[in-house]
């Protein structure tokens, strides 16, 4: 089963390509905070159902890849709390 995530806190520039990739949560339910570093968009508390893929659409850079950072919801905002990732279209990213 695939769940789709939509909604953000800022608009998308006209000249930016969008790609869809998949967040995979192999364990129980998880909430994350996701930040799209290409477009500067922050997604709120995203719920990733356990043992499912969640389709996420984010901006792609000039290389055609998304650049995001994420952390479990509720962690204090500090650099070492974030996980950074560069993602290709249709790639699966395991999050725990």
N, C-alpha and C. Protein backbone atom coordinates (compact mmCIF):
# COMPACT_ATOMS: atom_id res chain seq x y z
N UNK A 1 0.85 -1.18 0.00
CA UNK A 1 0.00 0.00 0.00
C UNK A 1 0.89 1.24 0.00
N UNK A 2 0.53 2.22 -0.79
CA UNK A 2 1.29 3.46 -0.88
C UNK A 2 0.40 4.61 -0.43
N UNK A 3 0.90 5.42 0.50
CA UNK A 3 0.22 6.61 0.98
C UNK A 3 0.89 7.82 0.35
N UNK A 4 0.13 8.84 -0.01
CA UNK A 4 0.70 10.04 -0.63
C UNK A 4 0.68 11.20 0.34
N UNK A 5 1.77 11.96 0.37
CA UNK A 5 1.88 13.13 1.24
C UNK A 5 1.78 14.38 0.38
N UNK A 6 0.97 15.32 0.81
CA UNK A 6 0.90 16.61 0.11
C UNK A 6 0.78 17.70 1.16
N UNK A 7 0.98 18.93 0.72
CA UNK A 7 0.87 20.06 1.63
C UNK A 7 2.23 20.53 2.09
N UNK A 8 2.40 21.84 2.16
CA UNK A 8 3.67 22.40 2.60
C UNK A 8 3.43 23.81 3.11
N UNK A 9 4.50 24.46 3.53
CA UNK A 9 4.35 25.78 4.11
C UNK A 9 4.86 26.90 3.22
N UNK A 10 5.25 26.61 1.98
CA UNK A 10 5.68 27.67 1.06
C UNK A 10 5.36 27.28 -0.37
N UNK A 11 5.40 28.26 -1.27
CA UNK A 11 5.08 27.99 -2.67
C UNK A 11 6.28 27.40 -3.40
N UNK A 12 6.02 26.85 -4.59
CA UNK A 12 7.04 26.21 -5.39
C UNK A 12 7.43 27.16 -6.52
N UNK A 13 8.72 27.42 -6.71
CA UNK A 13 9.14 28.28 -7.83
C UNK A 13 8.73 27.66 -9.17
N UNK A 14 8.44 28.49 -10.16
CA UNK A 14 7.97 28.01 -11.47
C UNK A 14 9.00 27.19 -12.23
N UNK A 15 10.28 27.47 -12.05
CA UNK A 15 11.32 26.82 -12.84
C UNK A 15 11.92 25.56 -12.19
N UNK A 16 11.25 25.01 -11.20
CA UNK A 16 11.79 23.86 -10.48
C UNK A 16 11.03 22.59 -10.86
N UNK A 17 11.78 21.53 -11.14
CA UNK A 17 11.19 20.23 -11.44
C UNK A 17 10.81 19.54 -10.12
N UNK A 18 9.71 18.80 -10.15
CA UNK A 18 9.27 18.05 -8.98
C UNK A 18 9.51 16.56 -9.24
N UNK A 19 9.95 15.84 -8.20
CA UNK A 19 10.10 14.40 -8.32
C UNK A 19 9.39 13.72 -7.16
N UNK A 20 8.98 12.48 -7.38
CA UNK A 20 8.35 11.68 -6.34
C UNK A 20 9.30 10.57 -5.92
N UNK A 21 9.43 10.40 -4.63
CA UNK A 21 10.23 9.32 -4.06
C UNK A 21 9.42 8.71 -2.93
N UNK A 22 9.93 7.65 -2.31
CA UNK A 22 9.13 6.89 -1.34
C UNK A 22 9.86 6.75 -0.01
N UNK A 23 9.19 7.17 1.05
CA UNK A 23 9.69 6.96 2.40
C UNK A 23 9.15 5.62 2.87
N UNK A 24 10.04 4.75 3.30
CA UNK A 24 9.65 3.42 3.75
C UNK A 24 9.93 3.31 5.24
N UNK A 25 8.90 2.98 5.98
CA UNK A 25 9.03 2.79 7.42
C UNK A 25 8.89 1.30 7.71
N UNK A 26 10.00 0.58 7.97
CA UNK A 26 9.93 -0.86 8.17
C UNK A 26 9.41 -1.28 9.54
N UNK A 27 9.24 -0.35 10.45
CA UNK A 27 8.79 -0.68 11.81
C UNK A 27 7.38 -0.16 12.06
N UNK A 28 7.08 0.16 13.32
CA UNK A 28 5.77 0.69 13.68
C UNK A 28 5.60 2.13 13.22
N UNK A 29 4.47 2.72 13.51
CA UNK A 29 4.15 4.08 13.09
C UNK A 29 5.23 5.06 13.53
N UNK A 30 5.54 6.02 12.66
CA UNK A 30 6.61 6.98 12.92
C UNK A 30 6.15 8.35 12.42
N UNK A 31 6.47 9.40 13.17
CA UNK A 31 6.22 10.76 12.73
C UNK A 31 7.57 11.43 12.51
N UNK A 32 7.68 12.14 11.37
CA UNK A 32 8.92 12.85 11.06
C UNK A 32 8.61 14.29 10.67
N UNK A 33 9.62 15.14 10.78
CA UNK A 33 9.59 16.49 10.23
C UNK A 33 10.51 16.44 9.03
N UNK A 34 10.04 16.89 7.87
CA UNK A 34 10.79 16.83 6.62
C UNK A 34 10.99 18.25 6.10
N UNK A 35 12.21 18.54 5.63
CA UNK A 35 12.52 19.86 5.07
C UNK A 35 13.14 19.66 3.70
N UNK A 36 12.53 20.27 2.68
CA UNK A 36 13.02 20.22 1.31
C UNK A 36 14.04 21.35 1.16
N UNK A 37 15.33 21.01 1.07
CA UNK A 37 16.37 22.04 1.02
C UNK A 37 16.50 22.70 -0.34
N UNK A 38 15.94 22.11 -1.40
CA UNK A 38 15.99 22.72 -2.73
C UNK A 38 15.05 23.93 -2.79
N UNK A 39 13.81 23.75 -2.37
CA UNK A 39 12.81 24.83 -2.42
C UNK A 39 12.59 25.53 -1.08
N UNK A 40 13.25 25.05 -0.03
CA UNK A 40 13.08 25.67 1.27
C UNK A 40 11.70 25.43 1.87
N UNK A 41 11.11 24.26 1.56
CA UNK A 41 9.76 23.95 2.07
C UNK A 41 9.87 23.04 3.29
N UNK A 42 9.08 23.35 4.30
CA UNK A 42 9.03 22.52 5.51
C UNK A 42 7.70 21.79 5.53
N UNK A 43 7.77 20.48 5.66
CA UNK A 43 6.57 19.68 5.84
C UNK A 43 6.40 19.51 7.34
N UNK A 44 5.19 19.59 7.81
CA UNK A 44 4.92 19.46 9.24
C UNK A 44 5.17 18.04 9.73
N UNK A 45 4.45 17.65 10.70
CA UNK A 45 4.58 16.32 11.27
C UNK A 45 3.95 15.29 10.32
N UNK A 46 4.80 14.57 9.60
CA UNK A 46 4.32 13.55 8.66
C UNK A 46 4.24 12.21 9.35
N UNK A 47 3.11 11.56 9.21
CA UNK A 47 2.94 10.23 9.78
C UNK A 47 3.29 9.20 8.72
N UNK A 48 4.25 8.34 9.04
CA UNK A 48 4.64 7.24 8.15
C UNK A 48 4.11 5.95 8.74
N UNK A 49 3.06 5.38 8.15
CA UNK A 49 2.50 4.13 8.68
C UNK A 49 3.55 3.02 8.66
N UNK A 50 3.48 2.13 9.62
CA UNK A 50 4.44 1.04 9.71
C UNK A 50 4.31 0.07 8.56
N UNK A 51 5.47 -0.43 8.08
CA UNK A 51 5.56 -1.44 7.03
C UNK A 51 4.83 -1.02 5.75
N UNK A 52 4.95 0.27 5.40
CA UNK A 52 4.33 0.79 4.18
C UNK A 52 5.25 1.82 3.53
N UNK A 53 5.00 2.07 2.25
CA UNK A 53 5.69 3.14 1.52
C UNK A 53 4.79 4.36 1.50
N UNK A 54 5.40 5.54 1.65
CA UNK A 54 4.67 6.79 1.55
C UNK A 54 5.27 7.61 0.42
N UNK A 55 4.49 7.90 -0.61
CA UNK A 55 4.98 8.69 -1.74
C UNK A 55 5.11 10.15 -1.30
N UNK A 56 6.27 10.74 -1.57
CA UNK A 56 6.53 12.13 -1.21
C UNK A 56 7.04 12.85 -2.46
N UNK A 57 6.46 13.99 -2.78
CA UNK A 57 6.89 14.78 -3.93
C UNK A 57 7.58 16.03 -3.43
N UNK A 58 8.83 16.21 -3.86
CA UNK A 58 9.63 17.36 -3.45
C UNK A 58 10.30 17.97 -4.68
N UNK A 59 10.91 19.13 -4.48
CA UNK A 59 11.62 19.80 -5.56
C UNK A 59 12.93 19.07 -5.88
N UNK A 60 13.34 19.14 -7.14
CA UNK A 60 14.61 18.56 -7.56
C UNK A 60 15.57 19.68 -7.94
N UNK A 61 16.83 19.48 -7.66
CA UNK A 61 17.86 20.46 -8.03
C UNK A 61 18.22 20.31 -9.49
N UNK A 62 19.26 21.02 -9.92
CA UNK A 62 19.70 20.98 -11.31
C UNK A 62 20.12 19.58 -11.75
N UNK A 63 20.56 18.76 -10.79
CA UNK A 63 20.98 17.39 -11.10
C UNK A 63 19.81 16.41 -11.15
N UNK A 64 18.58 16.90 -10.96
CA UNK A 64 17.40 16.04 -11.01
C UNK A 64 17.14 15.26 -9.74
N UNK A 65 17.84 15.58 -8.67
CA UNK A 65 17.68 14.87 -7.39
C UNK A 65 17.10 15.80 -6.33
N UNK A 66 16.34 15.19 -5.44
CA UNK A 66 15.81 15.92 -4.29
C UNK A 66 16.90 16.00 -3.23
N UNK A 67 16.90 17.05 -2.46
CA UNK A 67 17.80 17.19 -1.33
C UNK A 67 16.93 17.52 -0.12
N UNK A 68 16.91 16.61 0.85
CA UNK A 68 16.03 16.78 2.01
C UNK A 68 16.81 16.53 3.30
N UNK A 69 16.21 16.99 4.37
CA UNK A 69 16.67 16.61 5.71
C UNK A 69 15.44 16.24 6.50
N UNK A 70 15.60 15.32 7.45
CA UNK A 70 14.46 14.89 8.25
C UNK A 70 14.93 14.43 9.62
N UNK A 71 13.99 14.39 10.54
CA UNK A 71 14.26 13.90 11.90
C UNK A 71 12.95 13.43 12.50
N UNK A 72 13.01 12.59 13.49
CA UNK A 72 11.78 12.19 14.17
C UNK A 72 11.09 13.41 14.76
N UNK A 73 9.78 13.47 14.69
CA UNK A 73 9.01 14.58 15.23
C UNK A 73 9.23 14.69 16.73
N UNK A 74 9.39 15.91 17.21
CA UNK A 74 9.52 16.13 18.65
C UNK A 74 10.95 16.36 19.10
N UNK A 75 11.95 16.10 18.24
CA UNK A 75 13.34 16.35 18.62
C UNK A 75 13.63 17.84 18.60
N UNK A 76 14.49 18.29 19.49
CA UNK A 76 14.88 19.70 19.51
C UNK A 76 15.58 20.05 18.20
N UNK A 77 15.41 21.28 17.75
CA UNK A 77 16.02 21.70 16.48
C UNK A 77 17.50 21.97 16.68
N UNK A 78 18.33 21.04 16.23
CA UNK A 78 19.78 21.21 16.29
C UNK A 78 20.38 20.43 15.12
N UNK A 79 21.52 20.82 14.68
CA UNK A 79 22.12 20.24 13.48
C UNK A 79 22.29 18.74 13.59
N UNK A 80 22.78 18.23 14.70
CA UNK A 80 23.05 16.80 14.81
C UNK A 80 21.77 15.96 14.90
N UNK A 81 20.62 16.59 15.03
CA UNK A 81 19.36 15.85 15.08
C UNK A 81 18.79 15.53 13.70
N UNK A 82 19.33 16.15 12.65
CA UNK A 82 18.82 15.97 11.29
C UNK A 82 19.58 14.90 10.54
N UNK A 83 18.88 14.17 9.68
CA UNK A 83 19.50 13.25 8.73
C UNK A 83 19.37 13.90 7.36
N UNK A 84 20.47 14.02 6.63
CA UNK A 84 20.48 14.64 5.31
C UNK A 84 20.54 13.56 4.25
N UNK A 85 19.82 13.76 3.12
CA UNK A 85 19.80 12.75 2.07
C UNK A 85 19.58 13.41 0.72
N UNK A 86 20.23 12.86 -0.30
CA UNK A 86 20.01 13.25 -1.69
C UNK A 86 19.33 12.06 -2.36
N UNK A 87 18.19 12.31 -3.02
CA UNK A 87 17.31 11.21 -3.46
C UNK A 87 16.97 11.36 -4.94
N UNK A 88 16.99 10.24 -5.66
CA UNK A 88 16.58 10.21 -7.07
C UNK A 88 15.08 9.94 -7.15
N UNK A 89 14.49 10.23 -8.30
CA UNK A 89 13.07 9.94 -8.54
C UNK A 89 12.83 8.44 -8.38
N UNK A 90 11.72 8.09 -7.75
CA UNK A 90 11.27 6.71 -7.52
C UNK A 90 12.16 5.91 -6.56
N UNK A 91 13.13 6.55 -5.92
CA UNK A 91 13.99 5.86 -4.96
C UNK A 91 13.24 5.59 -3.68
N UNK A 92 13.54 4.47 -3.03
CA UNK A 92 12.99 4.14 -1.72
C UNK A 92 14.02 4.51 -0.66
N UNK A 93 13.58 5.25 0.37
CA UNK A 93 14.44 5.65 1.47
C UNK A 93 13.88 5.08 2.76
N UNK A 94 14.67 4.25 3.44
CA UNK A 94 14.21 3.63 4.69
C UNK A 94 14.45 4.60 5.84
N UNK A 95 13.38 4.84 6.62
CA UNK A 95 13.44 5.76 7.75
C UNK A 95 13.03 5.03 9.01
N UNK A 96 13.80 5.25 10.07
CA UNK A 96 13.48 4.59 11.35
C UNK A 96 13.58 5.59 12.47
